[in-house]
Protein backbone atom coordinates (compact mmCIF):
# COMPACT_ATOMS: atom_id res chain seq x y z
CA UNK A 1 -9.90 -46.67 54.42
CA UNK A 2 -7.35 -44.59 56.32
CA UNK A 3 -4.48 -46.14 54.30
CA UNK A 4 -6.27 -45.46 51.06
CA UNK A 5 -6.89 -41.84 52.03
CA UNK A 6 -3.21 -41.37 52.92
CA UNK A 7 -2.15 -42.86 49.58
CA UNK A 8 -4.59 -40.56 47.77
CA UNK A 9 -3.18 -37.55 49.56
CA UNK A 10 0.33 -38.56 48.51
CA UNK A 11 -0.63 -39.23 44.87
CA UNK A 12 -2.71 -36.09 44.21
CA UNK A 13 0.16 -33.55 44.61
CA UNK A 14 2.34 -35.66 42.32
CA UNK A 15 -0.39 -35.83 39.68
CA UNK A 16 -0.99 -32.10 39.93
CA UNK A 17 2.72 -31.48 39.57
CA UNK A 18 2.86 -33.56 36.39
CA UNK A 19 -0.19 -31.80 34.96
CA UNK A 20 1.25 -28.38 35.83
CA UNK A 21 4.52 -29.32 34.15
CA UNK A 22 2.66 -30.45 31.02
CA UNK A 23 0.65 -27.21 30.87
CA UNK A 24 3.79 -25.14 31.42
CA UNK A 25 5.61 -27.03 28.67
CA UNK A 26 2.70 -26.43 26.31
CA UNK A 27 2.58 -22.72 27.13
CA UNK A 28 6.28 -22.16 26.63
CA UNK A 29 7.02 -24.65 23.89
CA UNK A 30 6.75 -21.94 21.21
CA UNK A 31 5.39 -22.46 17.68
CA UNK A 32 4.39 -25.97 16.68
CA UNK A 33 6.93 -28.04 14.74
CA UNK A 34 4.94 -28.11 11.52
CA UNK A 35 5.85 -28.10 7.88
CA UNK A 36 3.49 -26.36 5.50
CA UNK A 37 3.30 -28.70 2.51
CA UNK A 38 2.75 -27.45 -1.07
CA UNK A 39 -0.88 -26.74 -1.90
CA UNK A 40 -0.66 -25.75 -5.59
CA UNK A 41 2.28 -27.80 -6.88
CA UNK A 42 1.04 -29.54 -10.01
CA UNK A 43 -1.39 -26.73 -10.87
CA UNK A 44 0.29 -23.33 -10.50
CA UNK A 45 3.72 -24.85 -11.14
CA UNK A 46 5.23 -28.30 -11.72
CA UNK A 47 5.24 -30.79 -8.86
CA UNK A 48 8.26 -32.55 -10.38
CA UNK A 49 11.51 -31.18 -8.84
CA UNK A 50 13.51 -31.62 -12.02
CA UNK A 51 10.92 -30.02 -14.27
CA UNK A 52 10.34 -27.18 -11.80
CA UNK A 53 14.07 -26.47 -11.57
CA UNK A 54 14.37 -26.43 -15.35
CA UNK A 55 11.38 -24.08 -15.73
CA UNK A 56 12.46 -21.59 -13.07
CA UNK A 57 16.11 -21.57 -14.17
CA UNK A 58 15.07 -20.89 -17.77
CA UNK A 59 13.04 -17.88 -16.69
CA UNK A 60 15.80 -16.59 -14.43
CA UNK A 61 18.37 -16.96 -17.22
CA UNK A 62 16.80 -14.15 -19.23
CA UNK A 63 18.67 -10.81 -19.09
CA UNK A 64 18.38 -9.35 -15.60
CA UNK A 65 16.97 -5.84 -15.13
CA UNK A 66 19.62 -3.12 -14.87
CA UNK A 67 19.51 -2.34 -11.15
CA UNK A 68 22.07 -2.33 -8.37
CA UNK A 69 21.38 -5.69 -6.75
CA UNK A 70 22.77 -4.59 -3.39
CA UNK A 71 20.42 -1.59 -3.26
CA UNK A 72 17.19 -3.62 -3.34
CA UNK A 73 15.19 -3.37 -0.11
CA UNK A 74 11.90 -4.88 -1.29
CA UNK A 75 10.33 -6.45 -4.35
CA UNK A 76 6.81 -6.81 -5.72
CA UNK A 77 6.06 -9.96 -7.73
CA UNK A 78 2.86 -11.51 -9.12
CA UNK A 79 1.46 -14.85 -7.99
CA UNK A 80 -0.54 -16.42 -10.81
CA UNK A 81 0.33 -19.75 -12.43
CA UNK A 82 3.83 -19.75 -13.87
CA UNK A 83 2.50 -20.06 -17.41
CA UNK A 84 0.77 -16.70 -16.95
CA UNK A 85 2.85 -14.54 -14.59
CA UNK A 86 6.10 -16.45 -14.23
CA UNK A 87 7.87 -14.42 -16.90
CA UNK A 88 7.00 -11.18 -15.09
CA UNK A 89 7.86 -12.53 -11.62
CA UNK A 90 11.24 -13.75 -12.87
CA UNK A 91 12.27 -10.13 -13.46
CA UNK A 92 12.11 -9.49 -9.72
CA UNK A 93 14.14 -12.55 -8.84
CA UNK A 94 16.65 -12.24 -11.67
CA UNK A 95 17.52 -8.85 -10.15
CA UNK A 96 18.80 -10.73 -7.06
CA UNK A 97 21.67 -12.44 -8.86
CA UNK A 98 24.83 -12.08 -6.80
CA UNK A 99 22.99 -10.90 -3.68
CA UNK A 100 23.61 -12.54 -0.29
CA UNK A 101 20.31 -12.75 1.57
CA UNK A 102 19.99 -14.47 4.93
CA UNK A 103 16.26 -13.88 5.53
CA UNK A 104 13.27 -13.24 3.25
CA UNK A 105 9.97 -11.85 4.52
CA UNK A 106 7.24 -12.81 2.04
CA UNK A 107 3.95 -10.94 2.51
CA UNK A 108 0.91 -12.29 0.69
CA UNK A 109 -2.86 -11.70 0.71
CA UNK A 110 -5.37 -14.26 1.90
CA UNK A 111 -7.62 -15.36 -0.96
CA UNK A 112 -9.72 -18.00 0.84
CA UNK A 113 -9.79 -17.26 4.56
CA UNK A 114 -11.04 -14.10 6.22
CA UNK A 115 -9.37 -12.76 9.37
CA UNK A 116 -8.69 -9.18 10.52
CA UNK A 117 -4.90 -9.25 11.03
CA UNK A 118 -1.55 -10.19 9.50
CA UNK A 119 -0.73 -13.82 10.31
CA UNK A 120 2.94 -14.75 10.75
CA UNK A 121 3.29 -18.50 10.24
CA UNK A 122 3.63 -20.43 13.51
CA UNK A 123 5.18 -23.54 12.00
CA UNK A 124 8.72 -24.82 11.45
CA UNK A 125 9.08 -24.69 7.67
CA UNK A 126 7.45 -24.18 4.29
CA UNK A 127 8.01 -26.91 1.71
CA UNK A 128 8.05 -26.91 -2.09
CA UNK A 129 9.03 -29.71 -4.50
CA UNK A 130 12.56 -28.25 -4.24
CA UNK A 131 12.78 -28.89 -0.50
CA UNK A 132 11.99 -27.29 2.86
CA UNK A 133 12.68 -23.66 3.76
CA UNK A 134 13.20 -23.14 7.48
CA UNK A 135 11.12 -20.46 9.15
CA UNK A 136 13.05 -17.88 11.17
CA UNK A 137 11.00 -18.50 14.28
CA UNK A 138 12.75 -15.97 16.49
CA UNK A 139 12.18 -13.15 13.97
CA UNK A 140 8.59 -14.34 13.46
CA UNK A 141 7.95 -14.26 17.21
CA UNK A 142 9.39 -10.77 17.59
CA UNK A 143 7.43 -9.51 14.58
CA UNK A 144 4.14 -10.86 15.95
CA UNK A 145 4.79 -9.24 19.34
CA UNK A 146 5.17 -5.74 17.86
CA UNK A 147 1.52 -4.84 17.28
CA UNK A 148 -1.97 -6.19 17.91
CA UNK A 149 -2.61 -6.14 14.16
CA UNK A 150 0.06 -8.86 13.78
CA UNK A 151 -0.33 -12.36 15.23
CA UNK A 152 1.63 -15.62 15.27
CA UNK A 153 -0.97 -17.90 13.69
CA UNK A 154 -1.70 -20.46 11.01
CA UNK A 155 -4.52 -18.42 9.48
CA UNK A 156 -4.10 -18.17 5.73
CA UNK A 157 -1.21 -20.64 5.78
CA UNK A 158 -2.76 -24.03 6.50
CA UNK A 159 -4.59 -25.91 3.78
CA UNK A 160 -8.33 -26.38 4.28
CA UNK A 161 -9.97 -29.11 2.23
CA UNK A 162 -8.92 -28.71 -1.38
CA UNK A 163 -8.02 -25.03 -0.90
CA UNK A 164 -4.60 -23.75 0.01
CA UNK A 165 -3.24 -20.23 -0.29
CA UNK A 166 -1.11 -19.90 -3.43
CA UNK A 167 0.02 -16.27 -3.22
CA UNK A 168 2.92 -16.94 -0.86
CA UNK A 169 3.79 -20.43 -2.02
CA UNK A 170 4.41 -19.59 -5.69
CA UNK A 171 7.16 -17.11 -4.76
CA UNK A 172 9.24 -19.75 -3.02
CA UNK A 173 10.68 -21.82 -5.92
CA UNK A 174 11.94 -18.56 -7.48
CA UNK A 175 13.63 -17.62 -4.20
CA UNK A 176 15.08 -21.10 -3.77
CA UNK A 177 16.71 -21.05 -7.20
CA UNK A 178 17.78 -17.39 -7.08
CA UNK A 179 19.19 -17.35 -3.54
CA UNK A 180 19.90 -20.91 -2.51
CA UNK A 181 19.84 -21.11 1.28
CA UNK A 182 17.86 -18.59 3.35
CA UNK A 183 15.39 -18.44 6.21
CA UNK A 184 11.77 -17.52 5.60
CA UNK A 185 9.29 -15.30 7.45
CA UNK A 186 5.89 -16.11 5.86
CA UNK A 187 3.14 -13.51 6.43
CA UNK A 188 -0.42 -13.70 5.11
CA UNK A 189 -2.60 -10.61 5.46
CA UNK A 190 -6.27 -11.19 6.19
CA UNK A 191 -6.85 -7.47 6.78
CA UNK A 192 -5.41 -5.20 4.09
CA UNK A 193 -6.57 -1.82 5.41
CA UNK A 194 -4.13 1.04 5.92
CA UNK A 195 -3.76 0.53 9.67
CA UNK A 196 -2.87 -3.16 9.34
CA UNK A 197 -0.49 -2.43 6.46
CA UNK A 198 1.14 0.38 8.40
CA UNK A 199 1.48 -1.72 11.55
CA UNK A 200 3.23 -4.48 9.60
CA UNK A 201 5.45 -2.11 7.64
CA UNK A 202 6.56 -0.17 10.73
CA UNK A 203 7.21 -3.38 12.69
CA UNK A 204 9.37 -4.80 9.88
CA UNK A 205 11.38 -1.59 9.62
CA UNK A 206 12.12 -1.67 13.35
CA UNK A 207 13.29 -5.29 13.29
CA UNK A 208 15.33 -5.33 10.09
CA UNK A 209 18.91 -4.15 10.20
CA UNK A 210 21.58 -4.37 7.51
CA UNK A 211 21.04 -5.61 3.97
CA UNK A 212 20.69 -9.37 4.53
CA UNK A 213 16.89 -9.28 4.89
CA UNK A 214 14.70 -8.91 1.81
CA UNK A 215 10.97 -8.11 1.70
CA UNK A 216 8.76 -9.57 -1.05
CA UNK A 217 5.17 -8.40 -1.57
CA UNK A 218 3.05 -10.89 -3.52
CA UNK A 219 0.32 -9.33 -5.66
CA UNK A 220 -1.40 -9.46 -9.01
CA UNK A 221 -2.97 -6.26 -10.35
CA UNK A 222 -6.39 -5.75 -11.96
CA UNK A 223 -8.65 -8.73 -12.59
CA UNK A 224 -10.88 -9.59 -15.54
CA UNK A 225 -11.21 -6.28 -17.39
CA UNK A 226 -10.85 -5.70 -21.13
CA UNK A 227 -7.20 -5.26 -22.13
CA UNK A 228 -7.09 -1.47 -22.53
CA UNK A 229 -9.04 -0.83 -19.33
CA UNK A 230 -6.73 -3.18 -17.43
CA UNK A 231 -3.63 -1.41 -18.73
CA UNK A 232 -5.05 1.95 -17.62
CA UNK A 233 -5.92 0.68 -14.14
CA UNK A 234 -2.60 -1.11 -13.69
CA UNK A 235 -0.51 1.87 -14.74
CA UNK A 236 -2.35 4.04 -12.20
CA UNK A 237 -1.46 1.52 -9.49
CA UNK A 238 2.15 1.18 -10.66
CA UNK A 239 2.42 4.96 -10.96
CA UNK A 240 1.53 5.42 -7.28
CA UNK A 241 4.12 2.79 -6.34
CA UNK A 242 6.76 4.56 -8.45
CA UNK A 243 5.94 7.88 -6.79
CA UNK A 244 6.16 6.34 -3.31
CA UNK A 245 2.58 7.45 -2.66
CA UNK A 246 1.31 4.55 -0.56
CA UNK A 247 -1.36 6.78 1.00
CA UNK A 248 -3.12 7.23 -2.34
CA UNK A 249 -2.50 3.61 -3.25
CA UNK A 250 -4.08 2.30 -0.06
CA UNK A 251 -7.06 4.68 -0.32
CA UNK A 252 -7.86 3.76 -3.92
CA UNK A 253 -7.43 0.04 -3.31
CA UNK A 254 -9.65 0.10 -0.22
CA UNK A 255 -12.30 1.99 -2.20
CA UNK A 256 -11.82 -0.29 -5.23
CA UNK A 257 -11.00 2.60 -7.56
CA UNK A 258 -7.84 0.64 -8.40
CA UNK A 259 -7.18 -3.09 -8.09
CA UNK A 260 -4.39 -5.24 -6.67
CA UNK A 261 -5.32 -8.37 -4.71
CA UNK A 262 -2.13 -7.94 -2.67
CA UNK A 263 -2.53 -4.22 -2.12
CA UNK A 264 -1.98 -4.56 1.63
CA UNK A 265 1.32 -6.43 1.18
CA UNK A 266 2.49 -3.79 -1.34
CA UNK A 267 1.64 -0.91 1.02
CA UNK A 268 3.29 -2.69 3.96
CA UNK A 269 6.43 -3.30 1.88
CA UNK A 270 6.49 0.33 0.73
CA UNK A 271 6.16 1.61 4.30
CA UNK A 272 8.91 -0.70 5.56
CA UNK A 273 11.20 0.06 2.61
CA UNK A 274 10.79 3.82 3.01
CA UNK A 275 11.76 3.63 6.68
CA UNK A 276 14.73 1.43 5.75
CA UNK A 277 16.05 4.10 3.40
CA UNK A 278 14.52 3.15 0.05
CA UNK A 279 14.11 6.31 -2.03
CA UNK A 280 13.84 4.98 -5.57
CA UNK A 281 11.32 2.67 -7.25
CA UNK A 282 11.68 0.95 -10.59
CA UNK A 283 8.99 -0.99 -12.45
CA UNK A 284 10.99 -3.89 -13.87
CA UNK A 285 8.26 -5.43 -16.02
CA UNK A 286 4.54 -5.09 -16.71
CA UNK A 287 2.32 -7.43 -18.70
CA UNK A 288 -1.08 -9.01 -18.42
CA UNK A 289 -2.56 -12.38 -19.27
CA UNK A 290 -3.69 -11.03 -22.64
CA UNK A 291 -0.06 -10.59 -23.64
CA UNK A 292 0.56 -14.28 -22.95
CA UNK A 293 -2.64 -15.98 -24.13
CA UNK A 294 -3.77 -13.53 -26.82
CA UNK A 295 -7.23 -13.36 -25.21
CA UNK A 296 -7.77 -9.67 -24.45
CA UNK A 297 -11.42 -9.85 -23.39
CA UNK A 298 -10.85 -10.46 -19.65
CA UNK A 299 -7.26 -10.14 -18.48
CA UNK A 300 -5.29 -10.15 -15.21
CA UNK A 301 -2.45 -7.68 -14.72
CA UNK A 302 1.05 -8.51 -13.45
CA UNK A 303 3.82 -6.19 -12.30
CA UNK A 304 7.39 -6.67 -11.12
CA UNK A 305 8.80 -3.80 -9.04
CA UNK A 306 12.01 -3.08 -7.11
CA UNK A 307 12.21 -0.64 -4.17
CA UNK A 308 15.80 0.50 -3.70
CA UNK A 309 18.18 2.71 -1.76
CA UNK A 310 19.84 5.19 -4.07
CA UNK A 311 22.50 7.85 -3.49
CA UNK A 312 20.48 10.07 -5.81
CA UNK A 313 18.28 12.77 -4.33
CA UNK A 314 14.87 11.35 -3.35
CA UNK A 315 11.91 12.15 -5.55
CA UNK A 316 10.45 15.48 -4.49
CA UNK A 317 6.85 15.86 -3.43
CA UNK A 318 6.85 19.20 -5.27
CA UNK A 319 6.49 17.89 -8.81
CA UNK A 320 3.46 19.88 -9.81
CA UNK A 321 1.14 18.92 -12.63
CA UNK A 322 1.88 20.94 -15.78
CA UNK A 323 -1.38 22.71 -16.63
CA UNK A 324 -1.36 25.30 -19.40
CA UNK A 325 -3.05 28.68 -19.06
CA UNK A 326 -5.76 27.57 -21.47
CA UNK A 327 -6.38 24.38 -19.48
CA UNK A 328 -6.60 26.41 -16.27
CA UNK A 329 -9.28 28.60 -17.84
CA UNK A 330 -11.20 25.51 -18.94
CA UNK A 331 -11.18 24.16 -15.39
CA UNK A 332 -12.24 27.49 -13.88
CA UNK A 333 -15.16 27.76 -16.32
CA UNK A 334 -16.08 24.16 -15.53
CA UNK A 335 -16.03 24.88 -11.78
CA UNK A 336 -18.32 27.89 -12.20
CA UNK A 337 -20.71 25.97 -14.46
CA UNK A 338 -20.79 23.09 -11.96
CA UNK A 339 -21.69 25.39 -9.05
CA UNK A 340 -24.38 27.17 -11.05
CA UNK A 341 -25.93 23.87 -12.15
CA UNK A 342 -25.83 22.43 -8.63
CA UNK A 343 -27.37 25.53 -7.03
CA UNK A 344 -30.04 26.15 -9.68
CA UNK A 345 -30.94 22.60 -10.68
CA UNK A 346 -29.79 20.48 -7.72
CA UNK A 347 -27.70 18.14 -9.83
CA UNK A 348 -24.15 17.66 -11.07
CA UNK A 349 -23.22 19.28 -14.37
CA UNK A 350 -22.54 16.78 -17.16
CA UNK A 351 -19.56 18.23 -19.08
CA UNK A 352 -18.46 17.11 -22.52
CA UNK A 353 -15.60 14.62 -22.46
CA UNK A 354 -12.14 16.17 -22.51
CA UNK A 355 -9.04 14.76 -24.19
CA UNK A 356 -6.20 16.94 -22.87
CA UNK A 357 -3.74 14.66 -21.10
CA UNK A 358 -3.46 16.97 -18.06
CA UNK A 359 -7.25 17.15 -17.67
CA UNK A 360 -8.01 13.44 -18.01
CA UNK A 361 -5.21 12.26 -15.72
CA UNK A 362 -6.46 11.26 -12.25
CA UNK A 363 -5.44 13.94 -9.74
CA UNK A 364 -6.53 15.18 -6.35
CA UNK A 365 -7.86 18.75 -6.31
CA UNK A 366 -9.65 21.33 -4.15
CA UNK A 367 -11.98 24.13 -5.22
CA UNK A 368 -12.10 27.21 -2.97
CA UNK A 369 -15.00 29.66 -3.20
CA UNK A 370 -14.69 33.20 -1.86
CA UNK A 371 -17.19 36.05 -1.62
CA UNK A 372 -15.88 39.57 -1.10
CA UNK A 373 -12.49 38.05 -0.21
CA UNK A 374 -14.07 35.88 2.53
CA UNK A 375 -14.07 32.08 2.41
CA UNK A 376 -17.45 30.74 1.26
CA UNK A 377 -16.63 27.05 0.82
CA UNK A 378 -13.72 24.69 0.19
CA UNK A 379 -13.89 20.95 -0.49
CA UNK A 380 -11.63 18.60 -2.39
CA UNK A 381 -10.61 15.06 -3.20
CA UNK A 382 -7.24 14.61 -1.53
CA UNK A 383 -6.33 11.60 -3.65
CA UNK A 384 -6.84 11.02 -7.39
CA UNK A 385 -10.07 9.07 -7.73
CA UNK A 386 -11.29 10.54 -11.03
CA UNK A 387 -9.93 12.40 -14.08
CA UNK A 388 -8.97 15.93 -13.05
CA UNK A 389 -11.80 17.65 -14.90
CA UNK A 390 -14.43 15.43 -13.22
CA UNK A 391 -12.78 15.95 -9.85
CA UNK A 392 -13.07 19.73 -10.34
CA UNK A 393 -16.70 19.31 -11.42
CA UNK A 394 -17.52 17.32 -8.26
CA UNK A 395 -15.69 19.31 -5.61
CA UNK A 396 -16.84 22.69 -6.96
CA UNK A 397 -20.47 21.64 -6.47
CA UNK A 398 -19.68 20.17 -3.04
CA UNK A 399 -17.87 23.34 -1.94
CA UNK A 400 -21.02 25.32 -2.75
CA UNK A 401 -23.53 23.00 -1.10
CA UNK A 402 -21.82 20.61 1.32
CA UNK A 403 -19.22 22.56 3.27
CA UNK A 404 -20.76 22.23 6.73
CA UNK A 405 -19.02 25.38 7.97
CA UNK A 406 -21.35 27.51 5.82
CA UNK A 407 -24.97 27.54 4.67
CA UNK A 408 -25.44 26.32 1.08
CA UNK A 409 -24.73 28.92 -1.60
CA UNK A 410 -27.93 30.62 -2.76
CA UNK A 411 -28.79 31.52 -6.33
CA UNK A 412 -28.50 35.21 -5.48
CA UNK A 413 -24.83 34.75 -4.49
CA UNK A 414 -23.65 33.11 -7.72
CA UNK A 415 -22.54 36.36 -9.34
CA UNK A 416 -20.44 37.31 -6.30
CA UNK A 417 -18.37 34.13 -6.06
CA UNK A 418 -14.71 33.88 -7.05
CA UNK A 419 -13.03 30.57 -7.77
CA UNK A 420 -9.61 29.11 -6.98
CA UNK A 421 -8.45 25.59 -7.90
CA UNK A 422 -5.60 23.67 -6.26
CA UNK A 423 -4.34 20.59 -8.15
CA UNK A 424 -2.37 18.35 -5.80
CA UNK A 425 0.85 16.41 -6.30
CA UNK A 426 1.38 12.88 -4.92
CA UNK A 427 1.89 12.50 -1.16
CA UNK A 428 5.26 11.74 0.44
CA UNK A 429 5.69 11.15 4.16
CA UNK A 430 7.68 13.84 5.94
CA UNK A 431 10.89 12.21 7.16
CA UNK A 432 12.28 15.37 8.73
CA UNK A 433 10.65 18.67 9.65
CA UNK A 434 13.32 20.43 7.57
CA UNK A 435 11.66 18.97 4.47
CA UNK A 436 8.63 21.19 5.09
CA UNK A 437 8.77 24.55 3.30
CA UNK A 438 6.13 27.17 4.01
CA UNK A 439 4.47 28.36 0.81
CA UNK A 440 5.50 25.24 -1.09
CA UNK A 441 4.03 22.34 0.87
CA UNK A 442 0.61 21.44 2.12
CA UNK A 443 0.07 18.95 4.94
CA UNK A 444 -2.01 15.83 5.41
CA UNK A 445 -1.91 14.44 8.96
CA UNK A 446 -3.22 10.95 9.63
CA UNK A 447 -3.50 8.94 12.83
CA UNK A 448 -5.72 5.89 12.51
CA UNK A 449 -8.88 7.03 10.74
CA UNK A 450 -8.45 10.69 11.71
CA UNK A 451 -7.23 12.85 8.83
CA UNK A 452 -6.63 16.57 8.48
CA UNK A 453 -5.60 18.46 5.33
CA UNK A 454 -4.32 22.02 4.90
CA UNK A 455 -3.42 23.43 1.48
CA UNK A 456 -0.01 25.07 0.87
CA UNK A 457 -1.48 28.59 0.55
CA UNK A 458 -3.11 28.43 4.00
CA UNK A 459 0.17 28.74 5.92
CA UNK A 460 1.20 31.72 3.79
CA UNK A 461 -2.15 33.47 4.16
CA UNK A 462 -2.14 32.97 7.94
CA UNK A 463 1.55 33.85 8.36
CA UNK A 464 2.23 30.57 10.17
CA UNK A 465 5.66 29.15 10.89
CA UNK A 466 6.36 25.41 10.51
CA UNK A 467 5.41 24.47 14.06
CA UNK A 468 2.11 26.37 13.91
CA UNK A 469 1.30 24.87 10.51
CA UNK A 470 1.88 21.35 11.84
CA UNK A 471 -0.16 22.05 14.96
CA UNK A 472 -3.07 23.45 12.96
CA UNK A 473 -3.05 20.41 10.66
CA UNK A 474 -3.28 18.16 13.73
CA UNK A 475 -6.18 20.18 15.11
CA UNK A 476 -7.89 19.93 11.70
CA UNK A 477 -7.65 16.14 12.06
CA UNK A 478 -9.25 16.32 15.51
CA UNK A 479 -5.95 15.42 17.21
CA UNK A 480 -3.95 17.19 19.92
CA UNK A 481 -1.83 19.95 18.42
CA UNK A 482 1.42 18.14 19.16
CA UNK A 483 0.23 14.82 17.66
CA UNK A 484 2.55 15.32 14.69
CA UNK A 485 5.38 14.24 17.00
CA UNK A 486 3.70 10.90 17.88
CA UNK A 487 5.06 7.70 16.37
CA UNK A 488 1.51 6.64 15.49
CA UNK A 489 0.98 9.78 13.38
CA UNK A 490 1.97 10.10 9.73
CA UNK A 491 2.58 13.56 8.28
CA UNK A 492 2.50 13.72 4.49
CA UNK A 493 3.78 16.58 2.34
CA UNK A 494 2.32 17.62 -0.99
CA UNK A 495 2.44 20.63 -3.28
CA UNK A 496 -0.19 22.15 -5.51
CA UNK A 497 -0.64 24.01 -8.76
CA UNK A 498 -2.88 26.87 -7.63
CA UNK A 499 -4.75 29.18 -10.00
CA UNK A 500 -7.83 31.37 -9.77
CA UNK A 501 -9.94 34.00 -11.44
CA UNK A 502 -8.10 36.87 -9.77
CA UNK A 503 -4.75 35.92 -11.31
């Protein structure tokens, strides 16, 4: 018994040492050596290597878009079956001819699995019928360590049953034929809200240096609307991308005013590209499934977009909407009628439909009510969610009845009110405080879900300098006055066409 006990005492430490070594090896072994096999080869595209090569090369052989290939920072490409969206997607990849790219970050949405973060693939490679693409594991690890909204994980990547995510996979044969050899960083976004998109975009911008890394956002546009409605929706989405207004894009996609199943990847790519110096956007091609099949009853939209660095002056945030004097008077009359209807009848005024291009275009706007030169109410839609004339109708009524700083407007006050309308331009993030011009720009400050907005005329009326204006916008958002200096805070500039009854 004594001998057995001595042997046991000798064996146990050795066993524990082996177990500890195994656990340590598991903890520090890094991502698993896995290969993500094709999930949609044979359905979304050919599973035969020869046929797939022939198909992709034929699409890439079409005339390439006229862009400076070296200036491309990020691309947007659709992800439907090649017979539907391949011709549009090829425009993005044809633009890469002659470009040396060492690493490609492909960001895709998750169609089948729900999870509240961006998942960077934790395996060794992605495979297509054309061969394996090695994952840049070191970059993937560093990316996942940047923010809690980003994780090294197989979510959205691994195939479950007969379902496998197609949105990332279908981009790869195009990249293989257009670029040849490169390393891949596959990212699938389960959460596509603004905070997750921003976290991913900022993290990418901090890790990418030089021009040998390319970002690809995988997204289709609107789904299953009649042809004309789809075109209208898709051009609103593409217009925001062209204007660099990812704030409006994210807001309208989250609220389902617009549609893009990869909206989060697009916003993340826009944020990263902006911080990497991209200042020009070009829509390379737009079409929808109705253009391919002839069936225009329920179509899906596809867009190909390039985000580029350009020596040209960046697009200004001061491009005001052209509204004629007559159109201004129509909007002012509409605002007054809306307030009177809301106060007297407790409902929104139902105006006749308008056809003027400036009045039916979606645009953010504020209506300001004053009484004896004192503020009586001011509410607006910061982003374009409705045609301008309906926006003015809504926010005029809300300014009269829902501005919590004041009691609701009474019927006896209606004759004393004066009206001012501010029609907003798209939002552009302030890259330098010198871009802010008092009297020209308004401010929108955002940190997380806290948002504060001040119109351009406020700084002039209050005789504020730039620093005071920024501080007051932060306070309006419920943030410390110096929050505009924080790296987690975004400050957006906008301008406004302002007109009122006293002009």
